[in-house]
Amino acid sequence: MVAERDRKGWCRLIMQRVERRTFKIFKTTSLMAVLMLVACTRQQSATLFPNGDDWLRWNEFAKEQYVSAYVEGINEGFRHGCETALEATLPPANGQKLRDANAHCAEHAPFSGRDLNVIVPSITLFFQRYPEHRNQRNLGVSTVLRRLDAGKTVEQIHVEFSPRP
């Protein structure tokens, strides 16, 4: 009976130590995970919605990749939404009717497909020429990109986003 109590007490003591260690490890791991999440979120937010300073720090390859991915993502999302709307509102189509519907969606894509070799240097020129816009909240890289694609000049974008007297 005494040996059994000692064994139970010893087991209980070991379990308490294991539980404390496990809790400490869990607490430490949780804290590290939260800190990493915060650090990664802050780091990613700097490039998720880049401003002029971010843009000017990037090399040409990174700039081209950003513009290409942005345009492709917007156009692909638009195409998918357009096709889904057509499928939901029109009778089932195949052959030429389906090709016509897809062409209709492609014609109305948000980005015209202007040459990236023109857009990328124009964004750089905008932020170099007008440094006051580099950290402007409502004027990130994507806004300048959309305005340039719509046919606006660097000067027109500057005027549009400059404070009114």
C-alpha atoms as a PDB file:
ATOM      1  CA  MET A   1       0.000   0.000   0.000  1.00  0.00           C
ATOM      2  CA  VAL A   2       2.790   2.428   0.898  1.00  0.00           C
ATOM      3  CA  ALA A   3       4.724   1.485  -2.217  1.00  0.00           C
ATOM      4  CA  GLU A   4       1.594   2.045  -4.271  1.00  0.00           C
ATOM      5  CA  ARG A   5       1.100   5.544  -2.771  1.00  0.00           C
ATOM      6  CA  ASP A   6       4.738   6.384  -3.403  1.00  0.00           C
ATOM      7  CA  ARG A   7       4.417   5.223  -6.972  1.00  0.00           C
ATOM      8  CA  LYS A   8       1.257   7.291  -7.474  1.00  0.00           C
ATOM      9  CA  GLY A   9       2.863  10.305  -5.804  1.00  0.00           C
ATOM     10  CA  TRP A  10       5.996   9.881  -7.879  1.00  0.00           C
ATOM     11  CA  CYS A  11       3.925   9.534 -11.061  1.00  0.00           C
ATOM     12  CA  ARG A  12       1.883  12.591 -10.117  1.00  0.00           C
ATOM     13  CA  LEU A  13       5.072  14.578  -9.496  1.00  0.00           C
ATOM     14  CA  ILE A  14       6.516  13.526 -12.848  1.00  0.00           C
ATOM     15  CA  MET A  15       3.251  14.397 -14.626  1.00  0.00           C
ATOM     16  CA  GLN A  16       3.202  17.841 -13.007  1.00  0.00           C
ATOM     17  CA  ARG A  17       6.756  18.512 -14.174  1.00  0.00           C
ATOM     18  CA  VAL A  18       5.933  17.273 -17.668  1.00  0.00           C
ATOM     19  CA  GLU A  19       2.819  19.432 -17.736  1.00  0.00           C
ATOM     20  CA  ARG A  20       4.803  22.506 -16.625  1.00  0.00           C
ATOM     21  CA  ARG A  21       7.479  21.883 -19.249  1.00  0.00           C
ATOM     22  CA  THR A  22       4.846  21.241 -21.909  1.00  0.00           C
ATOM     23  CA  PHE A  23       3.042  24.441 -20.935  1.00  0.00           C
ATOM     24  CA  LYS A  24       6.309  26.424 -21.060  1.00  0.00           C
ATOM     25  CA  ILE A  25       7.135  24.976 -24.477  1.00  0.00           C
ATOM     26  CA  PHE A  26       3.604  25.702 -25.697  1.00  0.00           C
ATOM     27  CA  LYS A  27       3.754  29.245 -24.331  1.00  0.00           C
ATOM     28  CA  THR A  28       7.166  29.891 -25.891  1.00  0.00           C
ATOM     29  CA  THR A  29       6.140  28.395 -29.232  1.00  0.00           C
ATOM     30  CA  SER A  30       2.926  30.425 -29.273  1.00  0.00           C
ATOM     31  CA  LEU A  31       4.803  33.618 -28.496  1.00  0.00           C
ATOM     32  CA  MET A  32       7.324  32.912 -31.259  1.00  0.00           C
ATOM     33  CA  ALA A  33       4.524  32.190 -33.739  1.00  0.00           C
ATOM     34  CA  VAL A  34       2.755  35.455 -32.894  1.00  0.00           C
ATOM     35  CA  LEU A  35       5.995  37.444 -33.201  1.00  0.00           C
ATOM     36  CA  MET A  36       6.781  35.843 -36.562  1.00  0.00           C
ATOM     37  CA  LEU A  37       3.252  36.543 -37.782  1.00  0.00           C
ATOM     38  CA  VAL A  38       3.504  40.197 -36.767  1.00  0.00           C
ATOM     39  CA  ALA A  39       6.949  40.558 -38.356  1.00  0.00           C
ATOM     40  CA  CYS A  40       5.863  38.897 -41.597  1.00  0.00           C
ATOM     41  CA  THR A  41       2.662  40.927 -41.761  1.00  0.00           C
ATOM     42  CA  ARG A  42       4.549  44.179 -41.383  1.00  0.00           C
ATOM     43  CA  GLN A  43       7.129  43.136 -43.950  1.00  0.00           C
ATOM     44  CA  GLN A  44       4.520  41.959 -46.449  1.00  0.00           C
ATOM     45  CA  SER A  45       2.327  45.046 -46.093  1.00  0.00           C
ATOM     46  CA  ALA A  46       5.225  47.135 -47.344  1.00  0.00           C
ATOM     47  CA  THR A  47       5.167  45.319 -50.675  1.00  0.00           C
ATOM     48  CA  LEU A  48       1.520  44.296 -50.892  1.00  0.00           C
ATOM     49  CA  PHE A  49       0.481  47.901 -51.554  1.00  0.00           C
ATOM     50  CA  PRO A  50       3.753  49.485 -52.629  1.00  0.00           C
ATOM     51  CA  ASN A  51       4.216  53.226 -52.648  1.00  0.00           C
ATOM     52  CA  GLY A  52       6.675  55.318 -54.631  1.00  0.00           C
ATOM     53  CA  ASP A  53       9.568  54.767 -52.232  1.00  0.00           C
ATOM     54  CA  ASP A  54       9.093  51.000 -52.456  1.00  0.00           C
ATOM     55  CA  TRP A  55       8.960  51.204 -56.244  1.00  0.00           C
ATOM     56  CA  LEU A  56      12.170  53.212 -56.537  1.00  0.00           C
ATOM     57  CA  ARG A  57      14.042  50.703 -54.328  1.00  0.00           C
ATOM     58  CA  TRP A  58      13.130  47.771 -56.573  1.00  0.00           C
ATOM     59  CA  ASN A  59      15.307  46.641 -59.482  1.00  0.00           C
ATOM     60  CA  GLU A  60      13.898  46.566 -63.016  1.00  0.00           C
ATOM     61  CA  PHE A  61      13.111  42.865 -62.894  1.00  0.00           C
ATOM     62  CA  ALA A  62      11.051  43.247 -59.693  1.00  0.00           C
ATOM     63  CA  LYS A  63       9.165  46.198 -61.212  1.00  0.00           C
ATOM     64  CA  GLU A  64       8.345  44.236 -64.363  1.00  0.00           C
ATOM     65  CA  GLN A  65       7.251  41.228 -62.294  1.00  0.00           C
ATOM     66  CA  TYR A  66       4.968  43.376 -60.134  1.00  0.00           C
ATOM     67  CA  VAL A  67       3.287  45.052 -63.109  1.00  0.00           C
ATOM     68  CA  SER A  68       2.960  41.802 -65.020  1.00  0.00           C
ATOM     69  CA  ALA A  69       1.448  39.945 -62.044  1.00  0.00           C
ATOM     70  CA  TYR A  70      -0.871  42.846 -61.178  1.00  0.00           C
ATOM     71  CA  VAL A  71      -2.204  43.155 -64.727  1.00  0.00           C
ATOM     72  CA  GLU A  72      -2.535  39.389 -65.158  1.00  0.00           C
ATOM     73  CA  GLY A  73      -4.347  39.021 -61.837  1.00  0.00           C
ATOM     74  CA  ILE A  74      -6.819  41.824 -62.517  1.00  0.00           C
ATOM     75  CA  ASN A  75      -7.538  40.665 -66.058  1.00  0.00           C
ATOM     76  CA  GLU A  76      -7.880  37.006 -65.048  1.00  0.00           C
ATOM     77  CA  GLY A  77     -10.268  37.908 -62.235  1.00  0.00           C
ATOM     78  CA  PHE A  78     -12.316  40.063 -64.600  1.00  0.00           C
ATOM     79  CA  ARG A  79     -12.427  37.340 -67.258  1.00  0.00           C
ATOM     80  CA  HIS A  80     -13.538  34.738 -64.747  1.00  0.00           C
ATOM     81  CA  GLY A  81     -16.245  37.034 -63.372  1.00  0.00           C
ATOM     82  CA  CYS A  82     -17.444  37.965 -66.859  1.00  0.00           C
ATOM     83  CA  GLU A  83     -17.644  34.343 -67.990  1.00  0.00           C
ATOM     84  CA  THR A  84     -19.474  33.371 -64.805  1.00  0.00           C
ATOM     85  CA  ALA A  85     -22.007  36.158 -65.351  1.00  0.00           C
ATOM     86  CA  LEU A  86     -22.507  35.135 -68.982  1.00  0.00           C
ATOM     87  CA  GLU A  87     -23.006  31.490 -68.003  1.00  0.00           C
ATOM     88  CA  ALA A  88     -25.549  32.513 -65.364  1.00  0.00           C
ATOM     89  CA  THR A  89     -27.567  34.806 -67.629  1.00  0.00           C
ATOM     90  CA  LEU A  90     -27.319  33.250 -71.087  1.00  0.00           C
ATOM     91  CA  PRO A  91     -28.490  29.858 -72.287  1.00  0.00           C
ATOM     92  CA  PRO A  92     -25.749  27.212 -72.516  1.00  0.00           C
ATOM     93  CA  ALA A  93     -23.459  27.918 -75.472  1.00  0.00           C
ATOM     94  CA  ASN A  94     -20.815  25.995 -77.351  1.00  0.00           C
ATOM     95  CA  GLY A  95     -18.774  26.415 -80.497  1.00  0.00           C
ATOM     96  CA  GLN A  96     -18.923  29.884 -82.042  1.00  0.00           C
ATOM     97  CA  LYS A  97     -21.346  31.269 -79.447  1.00  0.00           C
ATOM     98  CA  LEU A  98     -18.940  30.334 -76.662  1.00  0.00           C
ATOM     99  CA  ARG A  99     -15.991  31.872 -78.533  1.00  0.00           C
ATOM    100  CA  ASP A 100     -18.005  35.067 -79.085  1.00  0.00           C
ATOM    101  CA  ALA A 101     -18.887  35.242 -75.389  1.00  0.00           C
ATOM    102  CA  ASN A 102     -15.238  34.754 -74.393  1.00  0.00           C
ATOM    103  CA  ALA A 103     -14.158  37.402 -76.921  1.00  0.00           C
ATOM    104  CA  HIS A 104     -16.734  39.781 -75.441  1.00  0.00           C
ATOM    105  CA  CYS A 105     -15.167  39.287 -72.002  1.00  0.00           C
ATOM    106  CA  ALA A 106     -11.636  39.745 -73.354  1.00  0.00           C
ATOM    107  CA  GLU A 107     -12.593  42.992 -75.150  1.00  0.00           C
ATOM    108  CA  HIS A 108     -13.747  44.547 -71.898  1.00  0.00           C
ATOM    109  CA  ALA A 109     -10.777  43.546 -69.747  1.00  0.00           C
ATOM    110  CA  PRO A 110      -9.668  46.342 -67.393  1.00  0.00           C
ATOM    111  CA  PHE A 111      -6.131  46.548 -68.779  1.00  0.00           C
ATOM    112  CA  SER A 112      -5.555  47.225 -72.420  1.00  0.00           C
ATOM    113  CA  GLY A 113      -2.353  45.246 -72.614  1.00  0.00           C
ATOM    114  CA  ARG A 114      -0.112  48.219 -73.312  1.00  0.00           C
ATOM    115  CA  ASP A 115       3.537  47.360 -73.557  1.00  0.00           C
ATOM    116  CA  LEU A 116       5.091  46.879 -70.114  1.00  0.00           C
ATOM    117  CA  ASN A 117       8.292  48.356 -71.511  1.00  0.00           C
ATOM    118  CA  VAL A 118       6.450  51.695 -71.621  1.00  0.00           C
ATOM    119  CA  ILE A 119       4.453  51.427 -68.379  1.00  0.00           C
ATOM    120  CA  VAL A 120       7.321  50.449 -66.058  1.00  0.00           C
ATOM    121  CA  PRO A 121       9.603  53.395 -66.959  1.00  0.00           C
ATOM    122  CA  SER A 122       6.623  55.759 -66.794  1.00  0.00           C
ATOM    123  CA  ILE A 123       5.845  54.711 -63.208  1.00  0.00           C
ATOM    124  CA  THR A 124       9.514  55.231 -62.316  1.00  0.00           C
ATOM    125  CA  LEU A 125       9.523  58.633 -64.024  1.00  0.00           C
ATOM    126  CA  PHE A 126       6.375  59.674 -62.141  1.00  0.00           C
ATOM    127  CA  PHE A 127       7.828  58.933 -58.712  1.00  0.00           C
ATOM    128  CA  GLN A 128      11.232  60.424 -59.592  1.00  0.00           C
ATOM    129  CA  ARG A 129       9.753  63.617 -61.016  1.00  0.00           C
ATOM    130  CA  TYR A 130       7.164  64.099 -58.250  1.00  0.00           C
ATOM    131  CA  PRO A 131       8.692  62.946 -54.943  1.00  0.00           C
ATOM    132  CA  GLU A 132       5.790  64.506 -53.007  1.00  0.00           C
ATOM    133  CA  HIS A 133       3.623  61.620 -54.246  1.00  0.00           C
ATOM    134  CA  ARG A 134       5.927  58.816 -53.094  1.00  0.00           C
ATOM    135  CA  ASN A 135       4.208  58.280 -49.744  1.00  0.00           C
ATOM    136  CA  GLN A 136       0.787  59.651 -50.595  1.00  0.00           C
ATOM    137  CA  ARG A 137      -1.830  57.288 -49.134  1.00  0.00           C
ATOM    138  CA  ASN A 138      -4.269  57.335 -52.037  1.00  0.00           C
ATOM    139  CA  LEU A 139      -1.605  57.108 -54.723  1.00  0.00           C
ATOM    140  CA  GLY A 140       0.229  53.802 -54.737  1.00  0.00           C
ATOM    141  CA  VAL A 141       1.919  52.068 -57.624  1.00  0.00           C
ATOM    142  CA  SER A 142      -1.284  50.294 -58.685  1.00  0.00           C
ATOM    143  CA  THR A 143      -3.154  53.608 -58.994  1.00  0.00           C
ATOM    144  CA  VAL A 144      -0.426  55.124 -61.164  1.00  0.00           C
ATOM    145  CA  LEU A 145      -0.397  51.931 -63.243  1.00  0.00           C
ATOM    146  CA  ARG A 146      -4.163  52.075 -63.832  1.00  0.00           C
ATOM    147  CA  ARG A 147      -4.036  55.757 -64.786  1.00  0.00           C
ATOM    148  CA  LEU A 148      -1.165  55.205 -67.227  1.00  0.00           C
ATOM    149  CA  ASP A 149      -2.970  52.257 -68.780  1.00  0.00           C
ATOM    150  CA  ALA A 150      -6.047  54.462 -69.210  1.00  0.00           C
ATOM    151  CA  GLY A 151      -3.918  56.779 -71.360  1.00  0.00           C
ATOM    152  CA  LYS A 152      -3.086  59.503 -68.858  1.00  0.00           C
ATOM    153  CA  THR A 153       0.327  61.101 -68.871  1.00  0.00           C
ATOM    154  CA  VAL A 154       2.637  61.407 -65.892  1.00  0.00           C
ATOM    155  CA  GLU A 155       1.803  65.131 -65.743  1.00  0.00           C
ATOM    156  CA  GLN A 156      -1.962  64.508 -65.783  1.00  0.00           C
ATOM    157  CA  ILE A 157      -1.668  62.047 -62.906  1.00  0.00           C
ATOM    158  CA  HIS A 158       0.376  64.597 -60.958  1.00  0.00           C
ATOM    159  CA  VAL A 159      -2.281  67.269 -61.458  1.00  0.00           C
ATOM    160  CA  GLU A 160      -5.101  64.865 -60.561  1.00  0.00           C
ATOM    161  CA  PHE A 161      -3.517  63.906 -57.237  1.00  0.00           C
ATOM    162  CA  SER A 162      -2.003  67.262 -56.243  1.00  0.00           C
ATOM    163  CA  PRO A 163      -3.727  69.147 -53.423  1.00  0.00           C
ATOM    164  CA  ARG A 164      -6.174  71.780 -54.606  1.00  0.00           C
ATOM    165  CA  PRO A 165      -5.471  75.390 -53.492  1.00  0.00           C
END
